[in-house]
Amino acid sequence: MMQRQLRQHDEGFATLTKGVQYMDVSNGKGPIVIHRKNVRVSYTLRSLSHISGKILDLSRNFSFHFGKGKVIKGWDLGLVGMKVGGVPLSRGAAIGRIRQ
């Protein structure tokens, strides 16, 4: 069921290893996010099963050490190469605005 829902929304998304899909809404202008450094993100997690994208969870200042495996795998995969200030539109990764 999940795969079918993802295929219905695939247009414009890039796919990383492990199936993480993303689309950048806005590229950051700051430095590239560095492994093992603390990052702070704002995110909104939405359901694919609702056309309106029902909000399941959100945070405005969630902080963690990038690349240490302390958050869901999609975040460690999806943040690679992102710049501070970037805004991805992500699925399976739950990523929001990036701050370092």
PDB file of N, CA and C in Angstrom:
ATOM      1  N   MET A   1       0.817  -1.189   0.000  1.00  0.00           N
ATOM      2  CA  MET A   1       0.000   0.000   0.000  1.00  0.00           C
ATOM      3  C   MET A   1       0.868   1.262   0.000  1.00  0.00           C
ATOM      4  N   MET A   2       1.885   1.311   0.866  1.00  0.00           N
ATOM      5  CA  MET A   2       2.765   2.479   0.945  1.00  0.00           C
ATOM      6  C   MET A   2       3.452   2.730  -0.388  1.00  0.00           C
ATOM      7  N   GLN A   3       3.977   1.675  -1.040  1.00  0.00           N
ATOM      8  CA  GLN A   3       4.657   1.846  -2.326  1.00  0.00           C
ATOM      9  C   GLN A   3       3.713   2.433  -3.368  1.00  0.00           C
ATOM     10  N   ARG A   4       2.465   1.993  -3.377  1.00  0.00           N
ATOM     11  CA  ARG A   4       1.492   2.510  -4.332  1.00  0.00           C
ATOM     12  C   ARG A   4       1.259   4.000  -4.074  1.00  0.00           C
ATOM     13  N   GLN A   5       1.141   4.388  -2.820  1.00  0.00           N
ATOM     14  CA  GLN A   5       0.945   5.796  -2.482  1.00  0.00           C
ATOM     15  C   GLN A   5       2.147   6.631  -2.903  1.00  0.00           C
ATOM     16  N   LEU A   6       3.360   6.116  -2.703  1.00  0.00           N
ATOM     17  CA  LEU A   6       4.563   6.839  -3.116  1.00  0.00           C
ATOM     18  C   LEU A   6       4.600   7.013  -4.624  1.00  0.00           C
ATOM     19  N   ARG A   7       4.279   5.969  -5.378  1.00  0.00           N
ATOM     20  CA  ARG A   7       4.304   6.063  -6.839  1.00  0.00           C
ATOM     21  C   ARG A   7       3.331   7.120  -7.348  1.00  0.00           C
ATOM     22  N   GLN A   8       2.215   7.304  -6.671  1.00  0.00           N
ATOM     23  CA  GLN A   8       1.234   8.298  -7.082  1.00  0.00           C
ATOM     24  C   GLN A   8       1.769   9.715  -6.916  1.00  0.00           C
ATOM     25  N   HIS A   9       2.781   9.907  -6.084  1.00  0.00           N
ATOM     26  CA  HIS A   9       3.316  11.242  -5.788  1.00  0.00           C
ATOM     27  C   HIS A   9       4.773  11.399  -6.225  1.00  0.00           C
ATOM     28  N   ASP A  10       5.251  10.591  -7.170  1.00  0.00           N
ATOM     29  CA  ASP A  10       6.677  10.550  -7.514  1.00  0.00           C
ATOM     30  C   ASP A  10       7.204  11.740  -8.313  1.00  0.00           C
ATOM     31  N   GLU A  11       6.383  12.459  -9.025  1.00  0.00           N
ATOM     32  CA  GLU A  11       6.863  13.476  -9.948  1.00  0.00           C
ATOM     33  C   GLU A  11       7.747  14.515  -9.266  1.00  0.00           C
ATOM     34  N   GLY A  12       8.961  14.678  -9.771  1.00  0.00           N
ATOM     35  CA  GLY A  12       9.881  15.675  -9.259  1.00  0.00           C
ATOM     36  C   GLY A  12      10.735  15.243  -8.079  1.00  0.00           C
ATOM     37  N   PHE A  13      10.557  14.023  -7.580  1.00  0.00           N
ATOM     38  CA  PHE A  13      11.334  13.550  -6.440  1.00  0.00           C
ATOM     39  C   PHE A  13      12.559  12.772  -6.898  1.00  0.00           C
ATOM     40  N   ALA A  14      13.678  12.946  -6.193  1.00  0.00           N
ATOM     41  CA  ALA A  14      14.876  12.126  -6.395  1.00  0.00           C
ATOM     42  C   ALA A  14      14.837  11.012  -5.353  1.00  0.00           C
ATOM     43  N   THR A  15      15.428   9.857  -5.685  1.00  0.00           N
ATOM     44  CA  THR A  15      15.439   8.729  -4.757  1.00  0.00           C
ATOM     45  C   THR A  15      16.867   8.397  -4.361  1.00  0.00           C
ATOM     46  N   LEU A  16      17.121   8.318  -3.061  1.00  0.00           N
ATOM     47  CA  LEU A  16      18.425   7.949  -2.519  1.00  0.00           C
ATOM     48  C   LEU A  16      18.453   6.454  -2.235  1.00  0.00           C
ATOM     49  N   THR A  17      19.611   5.972  -1.792  1.00  0.00           N
ATOM     50  CA  THR A  17      19.701   4.585  -1.354  1.00  0.00           C
ATOM     51  C   THR A  17      18.711   4.365  -0.221  1.00  0.00           C
ATOM     52  N   LYS A  18      18.307   3.158  -0.022  1.00  0.00           N
ATOM     53  CA  LYS A  18      17.343   2.779   1.023  1.00  0.00           C
ATOM     54  C   LYS A  18      15.944   3.325   0.761  1.00  0.00           C
ATOM     55  N   GLY A  19      15.699   3.900  -0.439  1.00  0.00           N
ATOM     56  CA  GLY A  19      14.357   4.344  -0.801  1.00  0.00           C
ATOM     57  C   GLY A  19      13.938   5.712  -0.306  1.00  0.00           C
ATOM     58  N   VAL A  20      14.826   6.463   0.336  1.00  0.00           N
ATOM     59  CA  VAL A  20      14.486   7.809   0.796  1.00  0.00           C
ATOM     60  C   VAL A  20      14.275   8.690  -0.427  1.00  0.00           C
ATOM     61  N   GLN A  21      13.141   9.388  -0.480  1.00  0.00           N
ATOM     62  CA  GLN A  21      12.848  10.279  -1.594  1.00  0.00           C
ATOM     63  C   GLN A  21      12.821  11.715  -1.094  1.00  0.00           C
ATOM     64  N   TYR A  22      13.288  12.652  -1.947  1.00  0.00           N
ATOM     65  CA  TYR A  22      13.308  14.051  -1.530  1.00  0.00           C
ATOM     66  C   TYR A  22      13.169  14.975  -2.728  1.00  0.00           C
ATOM     67  N   MET A  23      12.793  16.206  -2.445  1.00  0.00           N
ATOM     68  CA  MET A  23      12.756  17.280  -3.426  1.00  0.00           C
ATOM     69  C   MET A  23      13.114  18.548  -2.656  1.00  0.00           C
ATOM     70  N   ASP A  24      14.064  19.315  -3.147  1.00  0.00           N
ATOM     71  CA  ASP A  24      14.424  20.559  -2.473  1.00  0.00           C
ATOM     72  C   ASP A  24      13.435  21.649  -2.863  1.00  0.00           C
ATOM     73  N   VAL A  25      12.806  22.257  -1.869  1.00  0.00           N
ATOM     74  CA  VAL A  25      11.921  23.387  -2.084  1.00  0.00           C
ATOM     75  C   VAL A  25      12.771  24.642  -2.230  1.00  0.00           C
ATOM     76  N   SER A  26      13.835  24.714  -1.426  1.00  0.00           N
ATOM     77  CA  SER A  26      14.742  25.854  -1.439  1.00  0.00           C
ATOM     78  C   SER A  26      16.143  25.370  -1.072  1.00  0.00           C
ATOM     79  N   ASN A  27      17.134  25.688  -1.908  1.00  0.00           N
ATOM     80  CA  ASN A  27      18.515  25.321  -1.597  1.00  0.00           C
ATOM     81  C   ASN A  27      19.075  26.288  -0.568  1.00  0.00           C
ATOM     82  N   GLY A  28      19.829  25.755   0.384  1.00  0.00           N
ATOM     83  CA  GLY A  28      20.447  26.600   1.396  1.00  0.00           C
ATOM     84  C   GLY A  28      21.594  27.409   0.824  1.00  0.00           C
ATOM     85  N   LYS A  29      21.943  28.478   1.495  1.00  0.00           N
ATOM     86  CA  LYS A  29      23.055  29.326   1.062  1.00  0.00           C
ATOM     87  C   LYS A  29      24.230  29.238   2.028  1.00  0.00           C
ATOM     88  N   GLY A  30      24.073  28.469   3.098  1.00  0.00           N
ATOM     89  CA  GLY A  30      25.122  28.325   4.100  1.00  0.00           C
ATOM     90  C   GLY A  30      26.045  27.170   3.770  1.00  0.00           C
ATOM     91  N   PRO A  31      26.924  26.806   4.721  1.00  0.00           N
ATOM     92  CA  PRO A  31      27.846  25.686   4.508  1.00  0.00           C
ATOM     93  C   PRO A  31      27.095  24.349   4.470  1.00  0.00           C
ATOM     94  N   ILE A  32      27.734  23.340   3.897  1.00  0.00           N
ATOM     95  CA  ILE A  32      27.163  21.996   3.846  1.00  0.00           C
ATOM     96  C   ILE A  32      27.148  21.408   5.253  1.00  0.00           C
ATOM     97  N   VAL A  33      26.053  20.723   5.582  1.00  0.00           N
ATOM     98  CA  VAL A  33      25.917  20.070   6.885  1.00  0.00           C
ATOM     99  C   VAL A  33      27.042  19.054   7.051  1.00  0.00           C
ATOM    100  N   ILE A  34      27.689  19.049   8.224  1.00  0.00           N
ATOM    101  CA  ILE A  34      28.867  18.215   8.469  1.00  0.00           C
ATOM    102  C   ILE A  34      28.523  17.070   9.417  1.00  0.00           C
ATOM    103  N   HIS A  35      29.003  15.859   9.052  1.00  0.00           N
ATOM    104  CA  HIS A  35      28.815  14.686   9.912  1.00  0.00           C
ATOM    105  C   HIS A  35      29.381  14.950  11.296  1.00  0.00           C
ATOM    106  N   ARG A  36      28.701  14.411  12.290  1.00  0.00           N
ATOM    107  CA  ARG A  36      29.090  14.469  13.705  1.00  0.00           C
ATOM    108  C   ARG A  36      28.909  15.855  14.325  1.00  0.00           C
ATOM    109  N   LYS A  37      28.374  16.798  13.578  1.00  0.00           N
ATOM    110  CA  LYS A  37      28.093  18.125  14.130  1.00  0.00           C
ATOM    111  C   LYS A  37      26.632  18.190  14.556  1.00  0.00           C
ATOM    112  N   ASN A  38      26.350  19.059  15.503  1.00  0.00           N
ATOM    113  CA  ASN A  38      24.979  19.247  15.949  1.00  0.00           C
ATOM    114  C   ASN A  38      24.211  20.044  14.891  1.00  0.00           C
ATOM    115  N   VAL A  39      23.025  19.575  14.535  1.00  0.00           N
ATOM    116  CA  VAL A  39      22.151  20.316  13.623  1.00  0.00           C
ATOM    117  C   VAL A  39      20.813  20.533  14.314  1.00  0.00           C
ATOM    118  N   ARG A  40      20.118  21.561  13.872  1.00  0.00           N
ATOM    119  CA  ARG A  40      18.794  21.863  14.403  1.00  0.00           C
ATOM    120  C   ARG A  40      17.851  21.972  13.214  1.00  0.00           C
ATOM    121  N   VAL A  41      16.721  21.295  13.286  1.00  0.00           N
ATOM    122  CA  VAL A  41      15.772  21.310  12.175  1.00  0.00           C
ATOM    123  C   VAL A  41      14.379  21.678  12.670  1.00  0.00           C
ATOM    124  N   SER A  42      13.621  22.246  11.775  1.00  0.00           N
ATOM    125  CA  SER A  42      12.185  22.413  11.956  1.00  0.00           C
ATOM    126  C   SER A  42      11.548  21.489  10.936  1.00  0.00           C
ATOM    127  N   TYR A  43      10.556  20.716  11.351  1.00  0.00           N
ATOM    128  CA  TYR A  43       9.959  19.765  10.414  1.00  0.00           C
ATOM    129  C   TYR A  43       8.464  19.616  10.648  1.00  0.00           C
ATOM    130  N   THR A  44       7.789  19.153   9.600  1.00  0.00           N
ATOM    131  CA  THR A  44       6.388  18.765   9.673  1.00  0.00           C
ATOM    132  C   THR A  44       6.267  17.405   9.026  1.00  0.00           C
ATOM    133  N   LEU A  45       5.745  16.430   9.754  1.00  0.00           N
ATOM    134  CA  LEU A  45       5.528  15.080   9.247  1.00  0.00           C
ATOM    135  C   LEU A  45       4.065  14.961   8.858  1.00  0.00           C
ATOM    136  N   ARG A  46       3.825  14.646   7.567  1.00  0.00           N
ATOM    137  CA  ARG A  46       2.457  14.534   7.060  1.00  0.00           C
ATOM    138  C   ARG A  46       2.179  13.121   6.577  1.00  0.00           C
ATOM    139  N   SER A  47       0.936  12.737   6.628  1.00  0.00           N
ATOM    140  CA  SER A  47       0.495  11.425   6.162  1.00  0.00           C
ATOM    141  C   SER A  47       0.316  11.433   4.649  1.00  0.00           C
ATOM    142  N   LEU A  48       0.767  10.362   3.972  1.00  0.00           N
ATOM    143  CA  LEU A  48       0.525  10.217   2.539  1.00  0.00           C
ATOM    144  C   LEU A  48      -0.882   9.713   2.261  1.00  0.00           C
ATOM    145  N   SER A  49      -1.528   9.153   3.248  1.00  0.00           N
ATOM    146  CA  SER A  49      -2.836   8.548   3.026  1.00  0.00           C
ATOM    147  C   SER A  49      -3.964   9.576   2.973  1.00  0.00           C
ATOM    148  N   HIS A  50      -3.670  10.821   3.255  1.00  0.00           N
ATOM    149  CA  HIS A  50      -4.680  11.873   3.196  1.00  0.00           C
ATOM    150  C   HIS A  50      -4.286  12.871   2.120  1.00  0.00           C
ATOM    151  N   ILE A  51      -5.224  13.246   1.267  1.00  0.00           N
ATOM    152  CA  ILE A  51      -4.945  14.202   0.197  1.00  0.00           C
ATOM    153  C   ILE A  51      -4.454  15.518   0.779  1.00  0.00           C
ATOM    154  N   SER A  52      -5.025  15.918   1.885  1.00  0.00           N
ATOM    155  CA  SER A  52      -4.633  17.189   2.491  1.00  0.00           C
ATOM    156  C   SER A  52      -3.309  17.093   3.237  1.00  0.00           C
ATOM    157  N   GLY A  53      -2.757  15.888   3.386  1.00  0.00           N
ATOM    158  CA  GLY A  53      -1.502  15.722   4.111  1.00  0.00           C
ATOM    159  C   GLY A  53      -1.665  15.978   5.596  1.00  0.00           C
ATOM    160  N   LYS A  54      -2.529  15.229   6.245  1.00  0.00           N
ATOM    161  CA  LYS A  54      -2.797  15.380   7.675  1.00  0.00           C
ATOM    162  C   LYS A  54      -1.482  15.425   8.463  1.00  0.00           C
ATOM    163  N   ILE A  55      -1.328  16.413   9.331  1.00  0.00           N
ATOM    164  CA  ILE A  55      -0.115  16.566  10.138  1.00  0.00           C
ATOM    165  C   ILE A  55      -0.102  15.521  11.252  1.00  0.00           C
ATOM    166  N   LEU A  56       0.978  14.729  11.298  1.00  0.00           N
ATOM    167  CA  LEU A  56       1.145  13.696  12.314  1.00  0.00           C
ATOM    168  C   LEU A  56       2.064  14.146  13.441  1.00  0.00           C
ATOM    169  N   ASP A  57       3.052  15.001  13.115  1.00  0.00           N
ATOM    170  CA  ASP A  57       4.020  15.469  14.106  1.00  0.00           C
ATOM    171  C   ASP A  57       4.688  16.717  13.553  1.00  0.00           C
ATOM    172  N   LEU A  58       5.155  17.593  14.435  1.00  0.00           N
ATOM    173  CA  LEU A  58       5.931  18.753  13.991  1.00  0.00           C
ATOM    174  C   LEU A  58       6.801  19.251  15.125  1.00  0.00           C
ATOM    175  N   SER A  59       7.883  19.918  14.745  1.00  0.00           N
ATOM    176  CA  SER A  59       8.792  20.513  15.713  1.00  0.00           C
ATOM    177  C   SER A  59       9.458  21.715  15.065  1.00  0.00           C
ATOM    178  N   ARG A  60       9.730  22.733  15.828  1.00  0.00           N
ATOM    179  CA  ARG A  60      10.374  23.936  15.295  1.00  0.00           C
ATOM    180  C   ARG A  60      11.848  24.041  15.668  1.00  0.00           C
ATOM    181  N   ASN A  61      12.336  23.268  16.602  1.00  0.00           N
ATOM    182  CA  ASN A  61      13.746  23.357  17.001  1.00  0.00           C
ATOM    183  C   ASN A  61      14.252  22.015  17.500  1.00  0.00           C
ATOM    184  N   PHE A  62      14.185  20.991  16.669  1.00  0.00           N
ATOM    185  CA  PHE A  62      14.671  19.667  17.047  1.00  0.00           C
ATOM    186  C   PHE A  62      16.169  19.610  16.765  1.00  0.00           C
ATOM    187  N   SER A  63      16.963  19.233  17.766  1.00  0.00           N
ATOM    188  CA  SER A  63      18.422  19.242  17.659  1.00  0.00           C
ATOM    189  C   SER A  63      18.975  17.829  17.815  1.00  0.00           C
ATOM    190  N   PHE A  64      19.982  17.481  17.006  1.00  0.00           N
ATOM    191  CA  PHE A  64      20.632  16.172  17.109  1.00  0.00           C
ATOM    192  C   PHE A  64      22.004  16.224  16.447  1.00  0.00           C
ATOM    193  N   HIS A  65      22.846  15.218  16.734  1.00  0.00           N
ATOM    194  CA  HIS A  65      24.159  15.101  16.101  1.00  0.00           C
ATOM    195  C   HIS A  65      24.000  14.320  14.804  1.00  0.00           C
ATOM    196  N   PHE A  66      24.245  14.983  13.687  1.00  0.00           N
ATOM    197  CA  PHE A  66      24.068  14.412  12.355  1.00  0.00           C
ATOM    198  C   PHE A  66      25.059  13.280  12.095  1.00  0.00           C
ATOM    199  N   GLY A  67      24.552  12.163  11.585  1.00  0.00           N
ATOM    200  CA  GLY A  67      25.402  11.050  11.175  1.00  0.00           C
ATOM    201  C   GLY A  67      25.793  10.088  12.280  1.00  0.00           C
ATOM    202  N   LYS A  68      25.232  10.221  13.471  1.00  0.00           N
ATOM    203  CA  LYS A  68      25.585   9.332  14.581  1.00  0.00           C
ATOM    204  C   LYS A  68      24.551   8.232  14.809  1.00  0.00           C
ATOM    205  N   GLY A  69      23.521   8.163  13.966  1.00  0.00           N
ATOM    206  CA  GLY A  69      22.518   7.116  14.102  1.00  0.00           C
ATOM    207  C   GLY A  69      21.564   7.307  15.264  1.00  0.00           C
ATOM    208  N   LYS A  70      21.417   8.514  15.744  1.00  0.00           N
ATOM    209  CA  LYS A  70      20.548   8.789  16.896  1.00  0.00           C
ATOM    210  C   LYS A  70      19.126   9.190  16.492  1.00  0.00           C
ATOM    211  N   VAL A  71      18.890   9.353  15.196  1.00  0.00           N
ATOM    212  CA  VAL A  71      17.557   9.700  14.684  1.00  0.00           C
ATOM    213  C   VAL A  71      17.164   8.672  13.625  1.00  0.00           C
ATOM    214  N   ILE A  72      15.978   8.808  13.049  1.00  0.00           N
ATOM    215  CA  ILE A  72      15.572   7.851  12.021  1.00  0.00           C
ATOM    216  C   ILE A  72      16.576   7.866  10.870  1.00  0.00           C
ATOM    217  N   LYS A  73      16.813   6.712  10.282  1.00  0.00           N
ATOM    218  CA  LYS A  73      17.834   6.533   9.239  1.00  0.00           C
ATOM    219  C   LYS A  73      17.656   7.525   8.086  1.00  0.00           C
ATOM    220  N   GLY A  74      16.418   7.810   7.720  1.00  0.00           N
ATOM    221  CA  GLY A  74      16.153   8.737   6.617  1.00  0.00           C
ATOM    222  C   GLY A  74      16.742  10.116   6.826  1.00  0.00           C
ATOM    223  N   TRP A  75      16.840  10.555   8.068  1.00  0.00           N
ATOM    224  CA  TRP A  75      17.442  11.862   8.326  1.00  0.00           C
ATOM    225  C   TRP A  75      18.938  11.815   8.066  1.00  0.00           C
ATOM    226  N   ASP A  76      19.611  10.785   8.555  1.00  0.00           N
ATOM    227  CA  ASP A  76      21.055  10.674   8.314  1.00  0.00           C
ATOM    228  C   ASP A  76      21.355  10.510   6.824  1.00  0.00           C
ATOM    229  N   LEU A  77      20.489   9.845   6.080  1.00  0.00           N
ATOM    230  CA  LEU A  77      20.688   9.693   4.632  1.00  0.00           C
ATOM    231  C   LEU A  77      20.299  10.965   3.887  1.00  0.00           C
ATOM    232  N   GLY A  78      19.176  11.542   4.240  1.00  0.00           N
ATOM    233  CA  GLY A  78      18.631  12.672   3.502  1.00  0.00           C
ATOM    234  C   GLY A  78      19.344  13.990   3.703  1.00  0.00           C
ATOM    235  N   LEU A  79      20.079  14.150   4.787  1.00  0.00           N
ATOM    236  CA  LEU A  79      20.784  15.409   5.042  1.00  0.00           C
ATOM    237  C   LEU A  79      22.136  15.505   4.342  1.00  0.00           C
ATOM    238  N   VAL A  80      22.652  14.394   3.840  1.00  0.00           N
ATOM    239  CA  VAL A  80      23.962  14.396   3.172  1.00  0.00           C
ATOM    240  C   VAL A  80      23.942  15.394   2.013  1.00  0.00           C
ATOM    241  N   GLY A  81      24.884  16.324   2.018  1.00  0.00           N
ATOM    242  CA  GLY A  81      25.007  17.300   0.933  1.00  0.00           C
ATOM    243  C   GLY A  81      24.114  18.517   1.063  1.00  0.00           C
ATOM    244  N   MET A  82      23.223  18.540   2.045  1.00  0.00           N
ATOM    245  CA  MET A  82      22.355  19.711   2.219  1.00  0.00           C
ATOM    246  C   MET A  82      23.151  20.872   2.793  1.00  0.00           C
ATOM    247  N   LYS A  83      22.711  22.079   2.448  1.00  0.00           N
ATOM    248  CA  LYS A  83      23.332  23.284   2.978  1.00  0.00           C
ATOM    249  C   LYS A  83      22.454  23.880   4.066  1.00  0.00           C
ATOM    250  N   VAL A  84      23.096  24.539   5.017  1.00  0.00           N
ATOM    251  CA  VAL A  84      22.377  25.227   6.076  1.00  0.00           C
ATOM    252  C   VAL A  84      21.402  26.213   5.435  1.00  0.00           C
ATOM    253  N   GLY A  85      20.152  26.185   5.910  1.00  0.00           N
ATOM    254  CA  GLY A  85      19.106  27.052   5.372  1.00  0.00           C
ATOM    255  C   GLY A  85      18.266  26.390   4.303  1.00  0.00           C
ATOM    256  N   GLY A  86      18.667  25.196   3.847  1.00  0.00           N
ATOM    257  CA  GLY A  86      17.920  24.489   2.811  1.00  0.00           C
ATOM    258  C   GLY A  86      16.589  23.969   3.320  1.00  0.00           C
ATOM    259  N   VAL A  87      15.634  23.867   2.403  1.00  0.00           N
ATOM    260  CA  VAL A  87      14.313  23.344   2.746  1.00  0.00           C
ATOM    261  C   VAL A  87      13.964  22.237   1.760  1.00  0.00           C
ATOM    262  N   PRO A  88      14.094  20.975   2.187  1.00  0.00           N
ATOM    263  CA  PRO A  88      13.682  19.886   1.309  1.00  0.00           C
ATOM    264  C   PRO A  88      12.206  19.576   1.512  1.00  0.00           C
ATOM    265  N   LEU A  89      11.576  19.075   0.459  1.00  0.00           N
ATOM    266  CA  LEU A  89      10.246  18.501   0.579  1.00  0.00           C
ATOM    267  C   LEU A  89      10.494  17.013   0.539  1.00  0.00           C
ATOM    268  N   SER A  90      10.472  16.351   1.673  1.00  0.00           N
ATOM    269  CA  SER A  90      10.951  14.973   1.770  1.00  0.00           C
ATOM    270  C   SER A  90       9.868  13.986   2.141  1.00  0.00           C
ATOM    271  N   ARG A  91      10.057  12.749   1.686  1.00  0.00           N
ATOM    272  CA  ARG A  91       9.171  11.657   2.048  1.00  0.00           C
ATOM    273  C   ARG A  91      10.025  10.531   2.591  1.00  0.00           C
ATOM    274  N   GLY A  92       9.596   9.957   3.680  1.00  0.00           N
ATOM    275  CA  GLY A  92      10.339   8.865   4.287  1.00  0.00           C
ATOM    276  C   GLY A  92      11.545   9.343   5.068  1.00  0.00           C
ATOM    277  N   ALA A  93      11.708  10.651   5.164  1.00  0.00           N
ATOM    278  CA  ALA A  93      12.869  11.180   5.856  1.00  0.00           C
ATOM    279  C   ALA A  93      12.505  12.168   6.950  1.00  0.00           C
ATOM    280  N   ALA A  94      11.360  12.752   6.864  1.00  0.00           N
ATOM    281  CA  ALA A  94      10.888  13.708   7.867  1.00  0.00           C
ATOM    282  C   ALA A  94      11.877  14.837   8.099  1.00  0.00           C
ATOM    283  N   ILE A  95      12.296  15.482   7.041  1.00  0.00           N
ATOM    284  CA  ILE A  95      13.288  16.555   7.141  1.00  0.00           C
ATOM    285  C   ILE A  95      12.608  17.912   6.991  1.00  0.00           C
ATOM    286  N   GLY A  96      13.092  18.913   7.727  1.00  0.00           N
ATOM    287  CA  GLY A  96      12.583  20.271   7.622  1.00  0.00           C
ATOM    288  C   GLY A  96      13.714  21.240   7.357  1.00  0.00           C
ATOM    289  N   ARG A  97      13.522  22.518   7.684  1.00  0.00           N
ATOM    290  CA  ARG A  97      14.562  23.539   7.468  1.00  0.00           C
ATOM    291  C   ARG A  97      15.798  23.179   8.278  1.00  0.00           C
ATOM    292  N   ILE A  98      16.986  23.305   7.651  1.00  0.00           N
ATOM    293  CA  ILE A  98      18.247  22.884   8.265  1.00  0.00           C
ATOM    294  C   ILE A  98      18.975  24.080   8.872  1.00  0.00           C
ATOM    295  N   ARG A  99      19.419  23.936  10.121  1.00  0.00           N
ATOM    296  CA  ARG A  99      20.268  24.927  10.791  1.00  0.00           C
ATOM    297  C   ARG A  99      21.434  24.203  11.419  1.00  0.00           C
ATOM    298  N   GLN A 100      22.584  24.842  11.500  1.00  0.00           N
ATOM    299  CA  GLN A 100      23.743  24.197  12.140  1.00  0.00           C
ATOM    300  C   GLN A 100      24.373  25.134  13.127  1.00  0.00           C
TER     301      GLN A 100
END
